[in-house]
């Protein structure tokens, strides 16, 4: 488990519509320049550039009196903003896996906490008497609907693919389906009643009984 947890701002900077479009272009250019660091981002730079170009054309048409272009423009801006957010989530994973504090700056994002110690009570995980089962004790949140659970096996020091497990409906509960005897890293994040997702907890390392 990493001793530090690195986070970034995943919302585009505020400004006029044209300023926001330009911010997306800048982020795309930085992703292109550093694509080897993030080869499978959710929204790759080519698509960002295409969407930004379309957004600018629709914006100009709207301002020149084509009212239907307004709806199309707002829709594609939502697509750009959503891609920006999801890319930021992916970049956080890479930054924490590689301990790369400079990754966000390289990709046009702003870190809001360069490195912080994880909250002590954010996630606690122990084995139960049942093989392949873990008991989670998580930090509670207001209006939380459930907690997403992910895990990945470590074999000879190599971290495997991340896999989803059944969600928890309460902050304390058990999750089955882990491979008995394997060394895992596990993490959780809250899912709220309004449909939004919280931040992933730090990875916790545990060997399954």
N, C-alpha and C. Protein backbone atom coordinates (compact mmCIF):
# COMPACT_ATOMS: atom_id res chain seq x y z
N UNK A 1 0.84 -1.20 0.00
CA UNK A 1 0.00 0.00 0.00
C UNK A 1 0.87 1.25 0.00
N UNK A 2 0.51 2.23 -0.81
CA UNK A 2 1.27 3.45 -0.86
C UNK A 2 1.09 4.26 0.41
N UNK A 3 2.17 4.95 0.82
CA UNK A 3 2.09 5.78 2.01
C UNK A 3 1.44 7.12 1.71
N UNK A 4 1.37 7.48 0.44
CA UNK A 4 0.79 8.76 0.05
C UNK A 4 -0.35 8.53 -0.93
N UNK A 5 -1.27 9.48 -0.96
CA UNK A 5 -2.40 9.39 -1.89
C UNK A 5 -2.50 10.70 -2.63
N UNK A 6 -2.39 10.67 -3.94
CA UNK A 6 -2.30 11.87 -4.76
C UNK A 6 -3.63 12.10 -5.45
N UNK A 7 -4.12 13.35 -5.42
CA UNK A 7 -5.41 13.66 -6.02
C UNK A 7 -5.30 14.89 -6.92
N UNK A 8 -6.26 15.03 -7.84
CA UNK A 8 -6.28 16.20 -8.71
C UNK A 8 -7.70 16.74 -8.85
N UNK A 9 -7.79 17.98 -9.29
CA UNK A 9 -9.09 18.58 -9.58
C UNK A 9 -9.58 18.01 -10.90
N UNK A 10 -10.80 17.48 -10.89
CA UNK A 10 -11.32 16.81 -12.08
C UNK A 10 -12.46 17.57 -12.73
N UNK A 11 -12.58 18.85 -12.42
CA UNK A 11 -13.56 19.71 -13.09
C UNK A 11 -12.81 20.76 -13.90
N UNK A 12 -13.24 21.04 -15.12
CA UNK A 12 -12.57 22.06 -15.93
C UNK A 12 -12.60 23.42 -15.22
N UNK A 13 -11.61 24.23 -15.51
CA UNK A 13 -11.55 25.57 -14.91
C UNK A 13 -12.75 26.39 -15.35
N UNK A 14 -13.22 27.25 -14.46
CA UNK A 14 -14.35 28.11 -14.78
C UNK A 14 -13.91 29.20 -15.75
N UNK A 15 -14.87 29.69 -16.51
CA UNK A 15 -14.59 30.75 -17.49
C UNK A 15 -15.69 30.80 -18.51
N UNK A 16 -15.49 31.59 -19.55
CA UNK A 16 -16.46 31.63 -20.63
C UNK A 16 -16.45 30.30 -21.38
N UNK A 17 -17.45 30.10 -22.22
CA UNK A 17 -17.50 28.85 -22.98
C UNK A 17 -16.25 28.69 -23.85
N UNK A 18 -15.83 29.77 -24.50
CA UNK A 18 -14.65 29.69 -25.37
C UNK A 18 -13.39 29.41 -24.55
N UNK A 19 -13.31 29.96 -23.36
CA UNK A 19 -12.16 29.69 -22.49
C UNK A 19 -12.15 28.23 -22.05
N UNK A 20 -13.33 27.68 -21.78
CA UNK A 20 -13.42 26.28 -21.39
C UNK A 20 -13.04 25.36 -22.55
N UNK A 21 -13.48 25.72 -23.76
CA UNK A 21 -13.10 24.93 -24.94
C UNK A 21 -11.59 24.94 -25.11
N UNK A 22 -10.99 26.11 -24.94
CA UNK A 22 -9.54 26.21 -25.07
C UNK A 22 -8.83 25.40 -24.00
N UNK A 23 -9.39 25.35 -22.79
CA UNK A 23 -8.80 24.55 -21.72
C UNK A 23 -8.80 23.07 -22.09
N UNK A 24 -9.87 22.62 -22.73
CA UNK A 24 -9.92 21.23 -23.19
C UNK A 24 -8.86 20.98 -24.27
N UNK A 25 -8.67 21.93 -25.15
CA UNK A 25 -7.64 21.78 -26.19
C UNK A 25 -6.25 21.70 -25.56
N UNK A 26 -6.00 22.53 -24.57
CA UNK A 26 -4.70 22.50 -23.88
C UNK A 26 -4.48 21.14 -23.22
N UNK A 27 -5.53 20.63 -22.55
CA UNK A 27 -5.42 19.32 -21.92
C UNK A 27 -5.15 18.23 -22.95
N UNK A 28 -5.80 18.34 -24.13
CA UNK A 28 -5.59 17.36 -25.19
C UNK A 28 -4.16 17.40 -25.70
N UNK A 29 -3.63 18.62 -25.87
CA UNK A 29 -2.26 18.76 -26.35
C UNK A 29 -1.26 18.18 -25.36
N UNK A 30 -1.52 18.38 -24.07
CA UNK A 30 -0.62 17.84 -23.05
C UNK A 30 -0.72 16.33 -22.97
N UNK A 31 -1.95 15.80 -23.14
CA UNK A 31 -2.10 14.35 -23.17
C UNK A 31 -1.36 13.76 -24.36
N UNK A 32 -1.45 14.43 -25.51
CA UNK A 32 -0.76 13.95 -26.71
C UNK A 32 0.75 13.93 -26.49
N UNK A 33 1.27 14.96 -25.85
CA UNK A 33 2.71 15.05 -25.61
C UNK A 33 3.20 14.00 -24.61
N UNK A 34 2.28 13.53 -23.75
CA UNK A 34 2.67 12.58 -22.71
C UNK A 34 1.84 11.30 -22.77
N UNK A 35 1.43 10.93 -23.98
CA UNK A 35 0.51 9.81 -24.14
C UNK A 35 1.09 8.49 -23.67
N UNK A 36 2.41 8.34 -23.68
CA UNK A 36 3.02 7.09 -23.22
C UNK A 36 2.78 6.86 -21.73
N UNK A 37 2.54 7.95 -20.99
CA UNK A 37 2.28 7.81 -19.55
C UNK A 37 0.85 7.34 -19.29
N UNK A 38 -0.05 7.67 -20.20
CA UNK A 38 -1.47 7.30 -20.03
C UNK A 38 -2.01 6.80 -21.38
N UNK A 39 -1.62 5.61 -21.79
CA UNK A 39 -1.95 5.13 -23.15
C UNK A 39 -3.40 4.76 -23.37
N UNK A 40 -4.18 4.60 -22.30
CA UNK A 40 -5.58 4.17 -22.48
C UNK A 40 -6.53 5.07 -21.71
N UNK A 41 -6.31 6.38 -21.79
CA UNK A 41 -7.23 7.31 -21.14
C UNK A 41 -8.65 7.12 -21.67
N UNK A 42 -9.64 7.45 -20.86
CA UNK A 42 -11.04 7.25 -21.25
C UNK A 42 -11.36 8.04 -22.53
N UNK A 43 -10.95 9.29 -22.55
CA UNK A 43 -11.13 10.11 -23.75
C UNK A 43 -9.75 10.54 -24.24
N UNK A 44 -9.32 9.95 -25.36
CA UNK A 44 -7.99 10.24 -25.87
C UNK A 44 -7.95 11.61 -26.55
N UNK A 45 -6.73 12.13 -26.74
CA UNK A 45 -6.56 13.51 -27.19
C UNK A 45 -7.21 13.77 -28.54
N UNK A 46 -7.19 12.80 -29.45
CA UNK A 46 -7.78 13.02 -30.78
C UNK A 46 -9.28 13.29 -30.67
N UNK A 47 -9.95 12.55 -29.81
CA UNK A 47 -11.39 12.75 -29.64
C UNK A 47 -11.67 14.07 -28.93
N UNK A 48 -10.84 14.44 -27.97
CA UNK A 48 -11.02 15.72 -27.29
C UNK A 48 -10.92 16.86 -28.29
N UNK A 49 -9.91 16.81 -29.15
CA UNK A 49 -9.71 17.86 -30.15
C UNK A 49 -10.90 17.93 -31.10
N UNK A 50 -11.38 16.76 -31.55
CA UNK A 50 -12.55 16.72 -32.44
C UNK A 50 -13.77 17.32 -31.77
N UNK A 51 -14.02 16.93 -30.53
CA UNK A 51 -15.18 17.45 -29.81
C UNK A 51 -15.06 18.95 -29.55
N UNK A 52 -13.85 19.40 -29.23
CA UNK A 52 -13.65 20.83 -28.98
C UNK A 52 -13.88 21.64 -30.25
N UNK A 53 -13.44 21.13 -31.39
CA UNK A 53 -13.65 21.81 -32.67
C UNK A 53 -15.13 21.89 -33.00
N UNK A 54 -15.83 20.77 -32.78
CA UNK A 54 -17.28 20.75 -33.01
C UNK A 54 -17.99 21.71 -32.07
N UNK A 55 -17.57 21.73 -30.81
CA UNK A 55 -18.19 22.61 -29.82
C UNK A 55 -18.03 24.07 -30.22
N UNK A 56 -16.85 24.45 -30.69
CA UNK A 56 -16.63 25.84 -31.10
C UNK A 56 -17.51 26.21 -32.29
N UNK A 57 -17.63 25.29 -33.26
CA UNK A 57 -18.47 25.56 -34.43
C UNK A 57 -19.94 25.73 -34.03
N UNK A 58 -20.40 24.87 -33.13
CA UNK A 58 -21.79 24.96 -32.66
C UNK A 58 -22.01 26.24 -31.85
N UNK A 59 -21.04 26.62 -31.08
CA UNK A 59 -21.14 27.85 -30.27
C UNK A 59 -21.27 29.06 -31.20
N UNK A 60 -20.42 29.12 -32.22
CA UNK A 60 -20.47 30.25 -33.16
C UNK A 60 -21.80 30.29 -33.90
N UNK A 61 -22.31 29.10 -34.27
CA UNK A 61 -23.61 29.05 -34.96
C UNK A 61 -24.72 29.54 -34.04
N UNK A 62 -24.66 29.13 -32.79
CA UNK A 62 -25.66 29.57 -31.80
C UNK A 62 -25.62 31.09 -31.64
N UNK A 63 -24.43 31.64 -31.50
CA UNK A 63 -24.30 33.08 -31.30
C UNK A 63 -24.66 33.88 -32.56
N UNK A 64 -24.64 33.21 -33.70
CA UNK A 64 -25.04 33.87 -34.94
C UNK A 64 -26.52 33.68 -35.25
N UNK A 65 -27.27 33.18 -34.26
CA UNK A 65 -28.72 33.13 -34.42
C UNK A 65 -29.33 31.77 -34.65
N UNK A 66 -28.50 30.72 -34.74
CA UNK A 66 -29.03 29.37 -34.96
C UNK A 66 -29.36 28.76 -33.60
N UNK A 67 -30.55 28.99 -33.13
CA UNK A 67 -30.93 28.58 -31.78
C UNK A 67 -30.82 27.07 -31.54
N UNK A 68 -31.19 26.19 -32.53
CA UNK A 68 -31.04 24.74 -32.30
C UNK A 68 -29.60 24.32 -31.99
N UNK A 69 -28.64 25.10 -32.45
CA UNK A 69 -27.24 24.76 -32.18
C UNK A 69 -26.90 24.86 -30.70
N UNK A 70 -27.70 25.63 -29.95
CA UNK A 70 -27.43 25.79 -28.52
C UNK A 70 -27.51 24.46 -27.79
N UNK A 71 -28.57 23.70 -28.07
CA UNK A 71 -28.74 22.41 -27.39
C UNK A 71 -27.62 21.45 -27.75
N UNK A 72 -27.27 21.39 -29.03
CA UNK A 72 -26.18 20.51 -29.46
C UNK A 72 -24.86 20.95 -28.84
N UNK A 73 -24.67 22.26 -28.74
CA UNK A 73 -23.44 22.78 -28.12
C UNK A 73 -23.35 22.38 -26.65
N UNK A 74 -24.42 22.58 -25.91
CA UNK A 74 -24.41 22.24 -24.48
C UNK A 74 -24.21 20.74 -24.27
N UNK A 75 -24.77 19.94 -25.16
CA UNK A 75 -24.60 18.48 -25.07
C UNK A 75 -23.14 18.08 -25.26
N UNK A 76 -22.48 18.66 -26.24
CA UNK A 76 -21.10 18.26 -26.50
C UNK A 76 -20.16 18.83 -25.44
N UNK A 77 -20.52 19.97 -24.85
CA UNK A 77 -19.73 20.48 -23.73
C UNK A 77 -19.84 19.54 -22.53
N UNK A 78 -21.03 18.98 -22.35
CA UNK A 78 -21.21 18.00 -21.27
C UNK A 78 -20.37 16.76 -21.52
N UNK A 79 -20.27 16.35 -22.79
CA UNK A 79 -19.42 15.20 -23.15
C UNK A 79 -17.96 15.51 -22.86
N UNK A 80 -17.51 16.70 -23.21
CA UNK A 80 -16.13 17.11 -22.95
C UNK A 80 -15.84 17.15 -21.44
N UNK A 81 -16.76 17.73 -20.69
CA UNK A 81 -16.55 17.84 -19.24
C UNK A 81 -16.55 16.47 -18.58
N UNK A 82 -17.43 15.58 -19.07
CA UNK A 82 -17.49 14.22 -18.52
C UNK A 82 -16.19 13.47 -18.83
N UNK A 83 -15.68 13.64 -20.05
CA UNK A 83 -14.41 13.01 -20.40
C UNK A 83 -13.27 13.55 -19.57
N UNK A 84 -13.31 14.85 -19.30
CA UNK A 84 -12.28 15.48 -18.47
C UNK A 84 -12.28 14.87 -17.07
N UNK A 85 -13.49 14.70 -16.52
CA UNK A 85 -13.61 14.12 -15.18
C UNK A 85 -13.11 12.67 -15.17
N UNK A 86 -13.58 11.87 -16.13
CA UNK A 86 -13.19 10.45 -16.15
C UNK A 86 -11.70 10.28 -16.42
N UNK A 87 -11.14 11.15 -17.26
CA UNK A 87 -9.69 11.10 -17.46
C UNK A 87 -8.96 11.40 -16.16
N UNK A 88 -9.47 12.39 -15.41
CA UNK A 88 -8.85 12.74 -14.13
C UNK A 88 -8.86 11.58 -13.15
N UNK A 89 -9.96 10.82 -13.14
CA UNK A 89 -10.04 9.64 -12.28
C UNK A 89 -8.97 8.63 -12.69
N UNK A 90 -8.84 8.41 -14.01
CA UNK A 90 -7.83 7.47 -14.52
C UNK A 90 -6.42 7.97 -14.21
N UNK A 91 -6.18 9.27 -14.37
CA UNK A 91 -4.86 9.83 -14.10
C UNK A 91 -4.49 9.66 -12.63
N UNK A 92 -5.47 9.77 -11.74
CA UNK A 92 -5.20 9.56 -10.31
C UNK A 92 -4.68 8.15 -10.06
N UNK A 93 -5.32 7.18 -10.71
CA UNK A 93 -4.87 5.79 -10.55
C UNK A 93 -3.42 5.64 -10.97
N UNK A 94 -3.08 6.17 -12.16
CA UNK A 94 -1.72 6.06 -12.67
C UNK A 94 -0.75 6.80 -11.76
N UNK A 95 -1.13 7.99 -11.31
CA UNK A 95 -0.24 8.78 -10.46
C UNK A 95 0.07 8.04 -9.16
N UNK A 96 -0.94 7.39 -8.60
CA UNK A 96 -0.73 6.68 -7.34
C UNK A 96 0.02 5.37 -7.54
N UNK A 97 -0.22 4.71 -8.67
CA UNK A 97 0.49 3.46 -8.94
C UNK A 97 1.98 3.69 -9.21
N UNK A 98 2.29 4.86 -9.76
CA UNK A 98 3.68 5.15 -10.13
C UNK A 98 4.33 6.16 -9.20
N UNK A 99 3.56 6.65 -8.20
CA UNK A 99 4.05 7.69 -7.28
C UNK A 99 4.56 8.90 -8.05
N UNK A 100 3.88 9.26 -9.13
CA UNK A 100 4.30 10.37 -9.99
C UNK A 100 3.53 11.63 -9.61
N UNK A 101 4.14 12.45 -8.77
CA UNK A 101 3.48 13.67 -8.30
C UNK A 101 3.31 14.72 -9.39
N UNK A 102 4.07 14.62 -10.48
CA UNK A 102 4.04 15.64 -11.52
C UNK A 102 3.10 15.28 -12.67
N UNK A 103 2.48 14.13 -12.60
CA UNK A 103 1.68 13.66 -13.73
C UNK A 103 0.55 14.62 -14.07
N UNK A 104 -0.13 15.17 -13.07
CA UNK A 104 -1.28 16.03 -13.33
C UNK A 104 -0.87 17.30 -14.08
N UNK A 105 0.23 17.89 -13.67
CA UNK A 105 0.72 19.08 -14.35
C UNK A 105 1.06 18.77 -15.80
N UNK A 106 1.66 17.60 -16.04
CA UNK A 106 2.02 17.20 -17.39
C UNK A 106 0.78 17.01 -18.27
N UNK A 107 -0.36 16.72 -17.65
CA UNK A 107 -1.58 16.42 -18.39
C UNK A 107 -2.62 17.53 -18.33
N UNK A 108 -2.23 18.69 -17.80
CA UNK A 108 -3.14 19.82 -17.79
C UNK A 108 -4.13 19.83 -16.65
N UNK A 109 -3.87 19.06 -15.61
CA UNK A 109 -4.74 19.03 -14.44
C UNK A 109 -4.04 19.70 -13.25
N UNK A 110 -4.83 20.09 -12.28
CA UNK A 110 -4.29 20.77 -11.11
C UNK A 110 -4.41 19.89 -9.87
N UNK A 111 -3.28 19.51 -9.27
CA UNK A 111 -3.38 18.73 -8.03
C UNK A 111 -3.87 19.62 -6.90
N UNK A 112 -4.85 19.15 -6.13
CA UNK A 112 -5.29 19.96 -5.00
C UNK A 112 -4.71 19.47 -3.69
N UNK A 113 -4.17 18.28 -3.71
CA UNK A 113 -3.40 17.79 -2.58
C UNK A 113 -2.26 16.98 -3.21
N UNK A 114 -1.07 17.56 -3.22
CA UNK A 114 0.04 16.90 -3.88
C UNK A 114 0.24 15.51 -3.30
N UNK A 115 0.25 15.42 -1.99
CA UNK A 115 0.39 14.12 -1.33
C UNK A 115 -0.13 14.26 0.09
N UNK A 116 -1.09 13.44 0.43
CA UNK A 116 -1.67 13.51 1.76
C UNK A 116 -1.71 12.12 2.36
N UNK A 117 -1.61 12.05 3.66
CA UNK A 117 -1.76 10.76 4.33
C UNK A 117 -3.21 10.33 4.28
N UNK A 118 -3.50 9.08 3.94
CA UNK A 118 -4.88 8.61 3.93
C UNK A 118 -5.53 8.76 5.31
N UNK A 119 -6.83 9.03 5.30
CA UNK A 119 -7.53 9.12 6.57
C UNK A 119 -7.49 7.76 7.27
N UNK A 120 -7.18 7.79 8.53
CA UNK A 120 -6.95 6.54 9.27
C UNK A 120 -8.15 5.61 9.25
N UNK A 121 -9.34 6.18 9.33
CA UNK A 121 -10.52 5.34 9.43
C UNK A 121 -11.30 5.24 8.12
N UNK A 122 -10.66 5.59 7.01
CA UNK A 122 -11.38 5.57 5.74
C UNK A 122 -11.73 4.15 5.33
N UNK A 123 -10.82 3.20 5.56
CA UNK A 123 -11.09 1.82 5.19
C UNK A 123 -10.29 0.89 6.10
N UNK A 124 -10.98 -0.11 6.62
CA UNK A 124 -10.35 -1.16 7.42
C UNK A 124 -10.85 -2.50 6.89
N UNK A 125 -9.93 -3.45 6.69
CA UNK A 125 -10.30 -4.73 6.10
C UNK A 125 -9.65 -5.86 6.89
N UNK A 126 -10.44 -6.88 7.23
CA UNK A 126 -9.92 -8.06 7.93
C UNK A 126 -10.54 -9.31 7.34
N UNK A 127 -9.89 -10.43 7.54
CA UNK A 127 -10.44 -11.72 7.13
C UNK A 127 -11.55 -12.14 8.09
N UNK A 128 -12.44 -12.99 7.62
CA UNK A 128 -13.46 -13.58 8.47
C UNK A 128 -13.16 -15.07 8.62
N UNK A 129 -14.07 -15.78 9.28
CA UNK A 129 -13.91 -17.22 9.44
C UNK A 129 -14.23 -17.99 8.16
N UNK A 130 -14.78 -17.29 7.18
CA UNK A 130 -15.16 -17.92 5.91
C UNK A 130 -14.04 -17.69 4.89
N UNK A 131 -13.60 -18.74 4.23
CA UNK A 131 -12.55 -18.62 3.22
C UNK A 131 -13.02 -17.75 2.05
N UNK A 132 -12.11 -16.88 1.59
CA UNK A 132 -12.43 -16.03 0.45
C UNK A 132 -13.35 -14.87 0.76
N UNK A 133 -13.51 -14.55 2.05
CA UNK A 133 -14.43 -13.48 2.45
C UNK A 133 -13.67 -12.44 3.28
N UNK A 134 -13.98 -11.16 3.05
CA UNK A 134 -13.39 -10.07 3.81
C UNK A 134 -14.47 -9.25 4.50
N UNK A 135 -14.13 -8.74 5.67
CA UNK A 135 -15.04 -7.83 6.37
C UNK A 135 -14.51 -6.41 6.24
N UNK A 136 -15.35 -5.51 5.74
CA UNK A 136 -14.98 -4.11 5.53
C UNK A 136 -15.61 -3.25 6.62
N UNK A 137 -14.84 -2.31 7.12
CA UNK A 137 -15.33 -1.30 8.06
C UNK A 137 -14.91 0.05 7.47
N UNK A 138 -15.87 0.79 6.91
CA UNK A 138 -15.57 1.97 6.10
C UNK A 138 -16.05 3.25 6.78
N UNK A 139 -15.45 4.32 6.36
CA UNK A 139 -15.90 5.64 6.80
C UNK A 139 -17.31 5.87 6.28
N UNK A 140 -18.19 6.37 7.12
CA UNK A 140 -19.57 6.59 6.72
C UNK A 140 -19.73 7.99 6.11
N UNK A 141 -20.69 8.13 5.21
CA UNK A 141 -20.98 9.40 4.56
C UNK A 141 -22.48 9.67 4.62
N UNK A 142 -22.87 10.94 4.52
CA UNK A 142 -24.27 11.29 4.45
C UNK A 142 -24.82 10.95 3.06
N UNK A 143 -26.04 10.46 3.02
CA UNK A 143 -26.76 10.16 1.78
C UNK A 143 -25.99 9.18 0.90
N UNK A 144 -25.29 8.22 1.51
CA UNK A 144 -24.59 7.22 0.73
C UNK A 144 -25.56 6.07 0.43
N UNK A 145 -25.52 5.59 -0.81
CA UNK A 145 -26.39 4.50 -1.24
C UNK A 145 -25.71 3.15 -1.08
N UNK A 146 -24.44 3.09 -1.46
CA UNK A 146 -23.68 1.85 -1.39
C UNK A 146 -22.20 2.16 -1.52
N UNK A 147 -21.38 1.12 -1.42
CA UNK A 147 -19.94 1.27 -1.58
C UNK A 147 -19.45 0.30 -2.66
N UNK A 148 -18.82 0.83 -3.70
CA UNK A 148 -18.21 -0.02 -4.72
C UNK A 148 -16.95 -0.66 -4.13
N UNK A 149 -16.67 -1.89 -4.53
CA UNK A 149 -15.51 -2.62 -4.02
C UNK A 149 -14.68 -3.13 -5.20
N UNK A 150 -13.38 -2.88 -5.15
CA UNK A 150 -12.46 -3.40 -6.17
C UNK A 150 -11.29 -4.11 -5.49
N UNK A 151 -10.71 -5.06 -6.21
CA UNK A 151 -9.54 -5.77 -5.71
C UNK A 151 -8.64 -6.20 -6.84
N UNK A 152 -7.37 -6.42 -6.53
CA UNK A 152 -6.42 -6.92 -7.52
C UNK A 152 -5.38 -7.79 -6.81
N UNK A 153 -5.02 -8.87 -7.45
CA UNK A 153 -4.08 -9.83 -6.86
C UNK A 153 -2.64 -9.41 -7.14
N UNK A 154 -1.78 -9.62 -6.16
CA UNK A 154 -0.34 -9.38 -6.32
C UNK A 154 0.35 -10.74 -6.35
N UNK A 155 1.03 -11.04 -7.45
CA UNK A 155 1.72 -12.31 -7.61
C UNK A 155 3.20 -12.05 -7.87
N UNK A 156 4.06 -12.49 -6.96
CA UNK A 156 5.51 -12.28 -7.10
C UNK A 156 5.84 -10.81 -7.33
N UNK A 157 5.14 -9.94 -6.61
CA UNK A 157 5.40 -8.51 -6.71
C UNK A 157 4.74 -7.83 -7.88
N UNK A 158 4.05 -8.58 -8.74
CA UNK A 158 3.38 -8.00 -9.91
C UNK A 158 1.90 -7.81 -9.61
N UNK A 159 1.41 -6.60 -9.81
CA UNK A 159 0.01 -6.29 -9.53
C UNK A 159 -0.84 -6.67 -10.73
N UNK A 160 -1.88 -7.46 -10.50
CA UNK A 160 -2.76 -7.91 -11.57
C UNK A 160 -3.84 -6.90 -11.92
N UNK A 161 -4.75 -7.34 -12.78
CA UNK A 161 -5.84 -6.47 -13.23
C UNK A 161 -6.81 -6.17 -12.08
N UNK A 162 -7.40 -5.01 -12.14
CA UNK A 162 -8.40 -4.62 -11.14
C UNK A 162 -9.74 -5.26 -11.46
N UNK A 163 -10.37 -5.84 -10.45
CA UNK A 163 -11.63 -6.56 -10.62
C UNK A 163 -12.68 -6.00 -9.66
N UNK A 164 -13.91 -5.90 -10.14
CA UNK A 164 -15.00 -5.45 -9.29
C UNK A 164 -15.60 -6.59 -8.48
N UNK A 165 -16.04 -6.28 -7.27
CA UNK A 165 -16.68 -7.25 -6.38
C UNK A 165 -18.05 -6.72 -5.98
N UNK A 166 -18.90 -7.58 -5.38
CA UNK A 166 -20.22 -7.10 -4.97
C UNK A 166 -20.14 -5.87 -4.07
N UNK A 167 -21.04 -4.93 -4.29
CA UNK A 167 -21.06 -3.70 -3.51
C UNK A 167 -21.56 -3.94 -2.10
N UNK A 168 -21.17 -3.05 -1.21
CA UNK A 168 -21.68 -3.05 0.15
C UNK A 168 -22.81 -2.03 0.26
N UNK A 169 -23.89 -2.39 0.93
CA UNK A 169 -25.00 -1.46 1.09
C UNK A 169 -24.89 -0.67 2.39
N UNK A 170 -23.94 -1.05 3.24
CA UNK A 170 -23.69 -0.33 4.48
C UNK A 170 -22.19 -0.15 4.65
N UNK A 171 -21.80 0.72 5.59
CA UNK A 171 -20.37 1.02 5.76
C UNK A 171 -19.62 -0.14 6.41
N UNK A 172 -20.33 -1.08 6.99
CA UNK A 172 -19.68 -2.25 7.57
C UNK A 172 -20.39 -3.50 7.07
N UNK A 173 -19.61 -4.44 6.51
CA UNK A 173 -20.20 -5.66 5.99
C UNK A 173 -19.15 -6.55 5.36
N UNK A 174 -19.58 -7.70 4.88
CA UNK A 174 -18.66 -8.67 4.31
C UNK A 174 -18.85 -8.80 2.80
N UNK A 175 -17.77 -9.12 2.12
CA UNK A 175 -17.78 -9.33 0.67
C UNK A 175 -17.06 -10.64 0.39
N UNK A 176 -17.69 -11.53 -0.37
CA UNK A 176 -17.10 -12.82 -0.72
C UNK A 176 -16.59 -12.79 -2.16
N UNK A 177 -15.93 -13.88 -2.56
CA UNK A 177 -15.48 -14.01 -3.93
C UNK A 177 -14.00 -13.80 -4.14
N UNK A 178 -13.24 -13.61 -3.05
CA UNK A 178 -11.80 -13.45 -3.16
C UNK A 178 -11.13 -14.82 -3.22
N UNK A 179 -9.97 -14.88 -3.84
CA UNK A 179 -9.24 -16.13 -4.00
C UNK A 179 -8.48 -16.46 -2.72
N UNK A 180 -8.85 -17.56 -2.09
CA UNK A 180 -8.22 -17.94 -0.82
C UNK A 180 -6.72 -18.15 -0.99
N UNK A 181 -5.94 -17.58 -0.08
CA UNK A 181 -4.49 -17.71 -0.10
C UNK A 181 -3.78 -16.64 -0.90
N UNK A 182 -4.52 -15.86 -1.69
CA UNK A 182 -3.89 -14.85 -2.55
C UNK A 182 -3.67 -13.55 -1.79
N UNK A 183 -2.64 -12.82 -2.20
CA UNK A 183 -2.37 -11.50 -1.66
C UNK A 183 -3.11 -10.47 -2.51
N UNK A 184 -3.95 -9.67 -1.86
CA UNK A 184 -4.78 -8.71 -2.57
C UNK A 184 -4.47 -7.28 -2.15
N UNK A 185 -4.79 -6.36 -3.04
CA UNK A 185 -5.00 -4.96 -2.70
C UNK A 185 -6.48 -4.70 -2.94
N UNK A 186 -7.13 -4.07 -1.99
CA UNK A 186 -8.56 -3.78 -2.13
C UNK A 186 -8.81 -2.30 -1.82
N UNK A 187 -9.88 -1.78 -2.40
CA UNK A 187 -10.27 -0.39 -2.14
C UNK A 187 -11.77 -0.25 -2.34
N UNK A 188 -12.32 0.85 -1.86
CA UNK A 188 -13.76 1.11 -1.98
C UNK A 188 -14.00 2.59 -2.30
N UNK A 189 -15.21 2.87 -2.75
CA UNK A 189 -15.63 4.27 -2.91
C UNK A 189 -17.12 4.35 -2.67
N UNK A 190 -17.61 5.46 -2.11
CA UNK A 190 -19.04 5.60 -1.87
C UNK A 190 -19.80 5.97 -3.13
N UNK A 191 -21.01 5.46 -3.24
CA UNK A 191 -21.93 5.83 -4.31
C UNK A 191 -23.15 6.47 -3.64
N UNK A 192 -23.48 7.70 -4.03
CA UNK A 192 -24.49 8.47 -3.31
C UNK A 192 -25.88 8.36 -3.95
N UNK A 193 -26.88 8.76 -3.18
CA UNK A 193 -28.27 8.62 -3.63
C UNK A 193 -28.57 9.52 -4.83
N UNK A 194 -27.76 10.56 -5.06
CA UNK A 194 -27.98 11.45 -6.21
C UNK A 194 -27.28 10.94 -7.47
N UNK A 195 -26.67 9.75 -7.38
CA UNK A 195 -26.03 9.15 -8.55
C UNK A 195 -24.55 9.45 -8.68
N UNK A 196 -24.02 10.35 -7.85
CA UNK A 196 -22.61 10.70 -7.95
C UNK A 196 -21.75 9.68 -7.21
N UNK A 197 -20.48 9.61 -7.62
CA UNK A 197 -19.51 8.72 -7.00
C UNK A 197 -18.51 9.54 -6.19
N UNK A 198 -18.07 8.98 -5.07
CA UNK A 198 -17.03 9.62 -4.29
C UNK A 198 -15.65 9.20 -4.76
N UNK A 199 -14.64 9.59 -4.00
CA UNK A 199 -13.26 9.24 -4.34
C UNK A 199 -12.97 7.80 -3.90
N UNK A 200 -12.09 7.13 -4.64
CA UNK A 200 -11.63 5.81 -4.22
C UNK A 200 -10.77 5.95 -2.97
N UNK A 201 -10.90 5.01 -2.07
CA UNK A 201 -10.04 4.97 -0.89
C UNK A 201 -8.64 4.54 -1.32
N UNK A 202 -7.65 4.71 -0.46
CA UNK A 202 -6.33 4.13 -0.75
C UNK A 202 -6.43 2.61 -0.83
N UNK A 203 -5.52 2.00 -1.57
CA UNK A 203 -5.46 0.53 -1.62
C UNK A 203 -5.00 -0.01 -0.26
N UNK A 204 -5.64 -1.08 0.17
CA UNK A 204 -5.25 -1.78 1.39
C UNK A 204 -4.80 -3.20 1.01
N UNK A 205 -3.65 -3.61 1.51
CA UNK A 205 -3.09 -4.90 1.15
C UNK A 205 -3.42 -5.94 2.23
N UNK A 206 -3.89 -7.11 1.80
CA UNK A 206 -4.26 -8.15 2.74
C UNK A 206 -4.18 -9.52 2.06
N UNK A 207 -3.72 -10.52 2.79
CA UNK A 207 -3.71 -11.87 2.25
C UNK A 207 -4.98 -12.58 2.69
N UNK A 208 -5.66 -13.19 1.72
CA UNK A 208 -6.96 -13.81 1.98
C UNK A 208 -6.77 -15.19 2.62
N UNK A 209 -7.52 -15.49 3.66
CA UNK A 209 -7.44 -16.82 4.29
C UNK A 209 -8.29 -17.82 3.54
